[in-house]
Amino acid sequence: MKPRLAAAILFLLMLAASLIVFKPGRSYAVQDRDAIMASSSPQHWTGTDQLGRDRTVRISAALLISFAGATAASAVATAIAAAVGTLAAFSPKVVAFLLMLASDLFLTLPWLFLLMLVRSGLPLTTSPMHSAAITFIILAFLGWSACARTVYSGATNLRASEWMMQGRASGLRPVQLTRLHLLPHLRTLLLPQFLLCIPAFIVAEANLGTLGLGIAEPLPSWGTMLLELDNSALLARSSWVYLPIALLVAVLLLLESFAVEV
C-alpha cells in the first residue's frame, strides 16, 4: 500500500473516532442500565457492553488513546535513542562501549515482564489517566535501545564525512554540528524507527491490558476490550465483540505499511 493512501486512511479513522468521542452527549463511561449487552440500534450503533456502555464510543476512545499514547511514547523513545547513539558516536571509545553495552543490556531484558512488574507495583488508587500515562512512559523508556544502536552506526559513518570536517574546521561546536548537520542526515534512520515503534507500543499496551495490567477502567483500551473475547456467551450474542480486534489489526497493518514504505 502506498504511504499516502495508508496515511489518508489512518487520518480518516482518527477523524471519525474524534467526531464520535467528542460528540456532545456521548461518553465512554456513561452506563445505560436499560441496555445491558444490547444489540445494535440507532442509539448504540454497535451495541453495548456488560455495563451498558456504548461500544462504538469506547472503541473510538481506545483508538485515540492508544494511538496518541503510542505516538508520544515512540517520540520519546526515538529522542532517547538519538541522544544516546549520537553521544556514543562522538565520545571516546570507552564511553561509546559503555553506552552501547547499556543498549545491548536493554535489548536482552525481558521487557514484557519488566512492564508487568512495574505496572503491577502501581497503587490501586491510581487514576485511569495516570495509569495510561505511566504505561506509555514505561514503554518509551524500555523501547529505545534497538534504535540507539542503529543511530550509533549511522552517526559513526557520518562522523568522518567531508561536510562534518568542514563544520569542525569552521569552528562549530559539537552541539551545533549535531543539530545543524548530523540529525538532518539521520532523519532517514530516525523516521522509520519512530513509525515502527508506534504499532509495537500499541501491541504492548494491548498485551498488558489482556493481563489486567493496562489502562485502568473506566478508560477504554484495546486490552480491556479484547478480554471480552474470552466470554463465549457474549460472543454468541453479539458479533460486534469482534470489532475491536478487527480494527486493531487494520490499524497495525496500516501503520506497518506506512512505516515500511516511508
Protein backbone atom coordinates (compact mmCIF):
# COMPACT_ATOMS: atom_id res chain seq x y z
CA MET A 1 0.00 0.00 0.00
CA LYS A 2 1.27 3.48 -0.86
CA PRO A 3 2.27 5.66 2.12
CA ARG A 4 -0.12 8.46 1.19
CA LEU A 5 -3.06 6.07 0.97
CA ALA A 6 -2.20 4.47 4.33
CA ALA A 7 -1.78 7.90 5.92
CA ALA A 8 -5.09 9.08 4.46
CA ILE A 9 -6.97 6.03 5.79
CA LEU A 10 -5.39 6.48 9.23
CA PHE A 11 -6.32 10.15 9.23
CA LEU A 12 -9.92 9.37 8.33
CA LEU A 13 -10.10 6.73 11.08
CA MET A 14 -8.78 9.18 13.67
CA LEU A 15 -11.11 11.91 12.44
CA ALA A 16 -14.15 9.63 12.63
CA ALA A 17 -13.12 8.43 16.10
CA SER A 18 -12.68 12.03 17.28
CA LEU A 19 -16.10 13.04 15.99
CA ILE A 20 -17.69 10.09 17.79
CA VAL A 21 -15.86 10.57 21.10
CA PHE A 22 -16.28 14.35 21.32
CA LYS A 23 -19.88 14.44 20.13
CA PRO A 24 -21.98 16.19 22.81
CA GLY A 25 -24.00 13.81 24.94
CA ARG A 26 -21.78 10.77 24.33
CA SER A 27 -19.25 9.36 26.76
CA TYR A 28 -17.21 6.19 27.03
CA ALA A 29 -18.06 5.92 30.75
CA VAL A 30 -21.83 6.51 30.71
CA GLN A 31 -23.81 3.38 31.58
CA ASP A 32 -27.26 2.69 30.14
CA ARG A 33 -28.83 0.30 32.67
CA ASP A 34 -31.77 -0.30 30.34
CA ALA A 35 -29.50 -1.56 27.55
CA ILE A 36 -27.11 -4.09 29.10
CA MET A 37 -25.36 -6.11 26.36
CA ALA A 38 -27.82 -4.66 23.85
CA SER A 39 -27.52 -5.36 20.15
CA SER A 40 -27.02 -2.64 17.55
CA SER A 41 -29.63 0.10 17.49
CA PRO A 42 -29.97 3.71 16.29
CA GLN A 43 -28.83 4.86 19.73
CA HIS A 44 -25.98 2.35 20.11
CA TRP A 45 -24.63 1.56 16.64
CA THR A 46 -22.55 -1.44 17.69
CA GLY A 47 -24.45 -2.31 20.84
CA THR A 48 -23.34 -2.02 24.45
CA ASP A 49 -21.03 -3.93 26.76
CA GLN A 50 -21.80 -5.76 30.00
CA LEU A 51 -22.18 -2.46 31.87
CA GLY A 52 -24.39 -0.82 29.27
CA ARG A 53 -21.65 1.42 27.88
CA ASP A 54 -21.76 2.35 24.21
CA ARG A 55 -19.36 0.09 22.35
CA THR A 56 -18.82 2.49 19.43
CA VAL A 57 -17.73 5.32 21.72
CA ARG A 58 -15.43 3.05 23.72
CA ILE A 59 -13.77 1.58 20.63
CA SER A 60 -13.27 5.08 19.22
CA ALA A 61 -11.82 6.33 22.51
CA ALA A 62 -9.50 3.31 22.73
CA LEU A 63 -8.28 4.02 19.21
CA LEU A 64 -7.48 7.65 20.04
CA ILE A 65 -5.90 6.88 23.42
CA SER A 66 -3.71 4.04 22.15
CA PHE A 67 -2.59 5.92 19.04
CA ALA A 68 -1.86 9.17 20.89
CA GLY A 69 -0.07 7.38 23.73
CA ALA A 70 1.95 5.14 21.42
CA THR A 71 2.92 8.10 19.22
CA ALA A 72 4.11 10.11 22.23
CA ALA A 73 5.99 7.10 23.63
CA SER A 74 7.59 6.47 20.25
CA ALA A 75 8.71 10.11 20.02
CA VAL A 76 10.31 9.90 23.48
CA ALA A 77 11.98 6.55 22.71
CA THR A 78 13.33 7.86 19.39
CA ALA A 79 14.65 11.02 21.06
CA ILE A 80 16.44 8.96 23.73
CA ALA A 81 17.87 6.68 21.04
CA ALA A 82 19.07 9.67 19.01
CA ALA A 83 20.72 11.23 22.07
CA VAL A 84 22.43 8.00 23.20
CA GLY A 85 23.52 6.96 19.71
CA THR A 86 24.88 10.40 18.81
CA LEU A 87 26.66 10.77 22.15
CA ALA A 88 28.28 7.36 21.71
CA ALA A 89 29.42 8.19 18.18
CA PHE A 90 31.20 11.38 19.28
CA SER A 91 32.55 10.13 22.61
CA PRO A 92 35.81 8.34 23.41
CA LYS A 93 35.84 4.62 22.71
CA VAL A 94 35.40 3.68 26.36
CA VAL A 95 32.28 5.84 26.74
CA ALA A 96 30.89 4.58 23.43
CA PHE A 97 31.48 0.99 24.53
CA LEU A 98 29.69 1.54 27.84
CA LEU A 99 26.73 3.26 26.18
CA MET A 100 26.33 0.52 23.59
CA LEU A 101 26.75 -2.11 26.32
CA ALA A 102 23.87 -0.49 28.20
CA SER A 103 21.84 -0.51 24.99
CA ASP A 104 22.56 -4.21 24.43
CA LEU A 105 21.61 -4.99 28.03
CA PHE A 106 18.27 -3.28 27.48
CA LEU A 107 17.74 -5.41 24.38
CA THR A 108 18.32 -8.63 26.32
CA LEU A 109 15.98 -7.73 29.18
CA PRO A 110 12.55 -9.42 29.23
CA TRP A 111 10.79 -6.10 28.75
CA LEU A 112 7.28 -7.56 28.89
CA PHE A 113 7.96 -8.98 32.35
CA LEU A 114 9.53 -5.69 33.42
CA LEU A 115 6.42 -3.88 32.21
CA MET A 116 4.26 -6.27 34.19
CA LEU A 117 6.43 -5.84 37.30
CA VAL A 118 6.45 -2.04 37.21
CA ARG A 119 2.80 -1.74 36.22
CA SER A 120 1.64 -4.16 38.92
CA GLY A 121 3.53 -2.13 41.51
CA LEU A 122 1.31 0.91 41.00
CA PRO A 123 -1.23 1.55 43.76
CA LEU A 124 -4.84 0.58 43.12
CA THR A 125 -5.88 4.18 43.67
CA THR A 126 -4.02 5.35 40.55
CA SER A 127 -6.39 7.31 38.34
CA PRO A 128 -7.16 5.99 34.82
CA MET A 129 -5.40 8.91 33.10
CA HIS A 130 -2.32 8.49 35.29
CA SER A 131 -2.26 4.74 34.63
CA ALA A 132 -2.40 5.40 30.87
CA ALA A 133 0.40 7.98 31.07
CA ILE A 134 2.58 5.74 33.24
CA THR A 135 2.03 2.75 30.93
CA PHE A 136 3.23 4.64 27.86
CA ILE A 137 6.10 6.32 29.74
CA ILE A 138 7.35 2.88 30.77
CA LEU A 139 7.08 1.71 27.16
CA ALA A 140 9.11 4.71 26.00
CA PHE A 141 11.93 4.15 28.47
CA LEU A 142 12.15 0.45 27.62
CA GLY A 143 11.87 0.80 23.85
CA TRP A 144 14.82 3.00 22.85
CA SER A 145 17.70 0.50 22.82
CA ALA A 146 17.29 -1.08 19.36
CA CYS A 147 17.04 2.31 17.70
CA ALA A 148 20.07 3.62 19.63
CA ARG A 149 22.41 1.08 18.03
CA THR A 150 21.08 1.97 14.58
CA VAL A 151 21.67 5.67 15.26
CA TYR A 152 25.15 4.94 16.59
CA SER A 153 26.07 3.05 13.44
CA GLY A 154 24.72 5.81 11.19
CA ALA A 155 26.35 8.61 13.18
CA THR A 156 29.70 6.79 13.20
CA ASN A 157 29.61 6.54 9.41
CA LEU A 158 28.72 10.23 9.05
CA ARG A 159 31.29 11.42 11.58
CA ALA A 160 34.16 11.25 9.10
CA SER A 161 32.22 12.78 6.20
CA GLU A 162 33.58 15.81 4.37
CA TRP A 163 30.83 18.18 5.45
CA MET A 164 31.32 17.23 9.11
CA MET A 165 35.04 18.01 8.84
CA GLN A 166 34.21 21.33 7.21
CA GLY A 167 31.86 22.11 10.09
CA ARG A 168 34.58 21.35 12.63
CA ALA A 169 37.06 23.47 10.70
CA SER A 170 34.62 26.40 10.69
CA GLY A 171 34.52 26.32 14.49
CA LEU A 172 31.11 24.77 15.07
CA ARG A 173 30.66 23.21 18.49
CA PRO A 174 29.60 19.53 18.78
CA VAL A 175 26.04 20.52 19.72
CA GLN A 176 25.80 22.76 16.66
CA LEU A 177 27.28 20.06 14.43
CA THR A 178 24.75 17.58 15.70
CA ARG A 179 21.75 19.90 15.39
CA LEU A 180 22.60 21.52 12.06
CA HIS A 181 24.31 18.71 10.17
CA LEU A 182 24.10 15.30 11.78
CA LEU A 183 20.43 14.97 12.79
CA PRO A 184 19.08 16.10 9.38
CA HIS A 185 21.16 13.37 7.74
CA LEU A 186 19.95 10.81 10.30
CA ARG A 187 16.32 11.60 9.57
CA THR A 188 16.08 8.69 7.12
CA LEU A 189 17.05 6.38 10.01
CA LEU A 190 15.02 8.01 12.76
CA LEU A 191 11.70 8.39 10.92
CA PRO A 192 11.21 4.66 10.13
CA GLN A 193 12.25 3.75 13.67
CA PHE A 194 9.73 6.23 15.07
CA LEU A 195 6.95 4.87 12.86
CA LEU A 196 7.74 1.21 13.60
CA CYS A 197 7.68 1.80 17.35
CA ILE A 198 4.07 3.04 17.24
CA PRO A 199 2.43 -0.32 16.36
CA ALA A 200 4.88 -2.11 18.67
CA PHE A 201 3.79 0.06 21.60
CA ILE A 202 0.10 -0.36 20.72
CA VAL A 203 0.52 -4.14 20.82
CA ALA A 204 2.48 -3.93 24.09
CA GLU A 205 -0.29 -1.89 25.73
CA ALA A 206 -2.89 -4.36 24.45
CA ASN A 207 -0.87 -7.25 25.92
CA LEU A 208 -0.76 -5.55 29.30
CA GLY A 209 -4.49 -4.87 29.10
CA THR A 210 -5.33 -8.51 28.47
CA LEU A 211 -3.35 -9.35 31.62
CA GLY A 212 -5.29 -6.78 33.62
CA LEU A 213 -2.25 -4.50 33.95
CA GLY A 214 -3.01 -1.95 31.28
CA ILE A 215 -5.03 1.24 31.37
CA ALA A 216 -7.42 1.31 34.32
CA GLU A 217 -11.19 1.37 33.96
CA PRO A 218 -13.34 3.18 33.02
CA LEU A 219 -10.85 4.50 30.46
CA PRO A 220 -11.14 2.18 27.44
CA SER A 221 -8.16 0.39 25.94
CA TRP A 222 -7.60 -2.36 23.41
CA GLY A 223 -6.56 -4.82 26.10
CA THR A 224 -9.65 -4.46 28.26
CA MET A 225 -11.97 -4.79 25.27
CA LEU A 226 -10.11 -7.81 23.93
CA LEU A 227 -10.84 -9.54 27.25
CA GLU A 228 -14.44 -9.81 26.07
CA LEU A 229 -13.30 -12.40 23.53
CA ASP A 230 -12.99 -14.87 26.42
CA ASN A 231 -16.73 -14.63 27.08
CA SER A 232 -18.33 -17.29 24.88
CA ALA A 233 -21.85 -16.22 25.84
CA LEU A 234 -21.13 -12.66 24.76
CA LEU A 235 -19.55 -13.84 21.51
CA ALA A 236 -22.64 -15.87 20.67
CA ARG A 237 -24.93 -12.95 21.45
CA SER A 238 -23.19 -10.14 19.56
CA SER A 239 -20.84 -10.27 16.59
CA TRP A 240 -19.78 -6.66 17.30
CA VAL A 241 -17.46 -8.00 20.01
CA TYR A 242 -15.04 -8.86 17.21
CA LEU A 243 -14.88 -5.24 16.03
CA PRO A 244 -12.03 -4.13 18.37
CA ILE A 245 -9.68 -6.89 17.23
CA ALA A 246 -10.59 -6.27 13.57
CA LEU A 247 -9.97 -2.54 13.92
CA LEU A 248 -6.75 -3.11 15.86
CA VAL A 249 -5.38 -5.42 13.16
CA ALA A 250 -6.37 -2.92 10.45
CA VAL A 251 -4.62 -0.04 12.24
CA LEU A 252 -1.48 -2.11 12.84
CA LEU A 253 -1.34 -3.15 9.18
CA LEU A 254 -1.76 0.46 8.05
CA LEU A 255 0.98 1.64 10.40
CA GLU A 256 3.36 -1.12 9.33
CA SER A 257 2.66 -0.42 5.66
CA PHE A 258 3.24 3.30 6.14
CA ALA A 259 6.46 2.77 8.12
CA VAL A 260 7.95 0.28 5.64
CA GLU A 261 7.23 2.43 2.59
CA VAL A 262 8.49 5.74 4.03
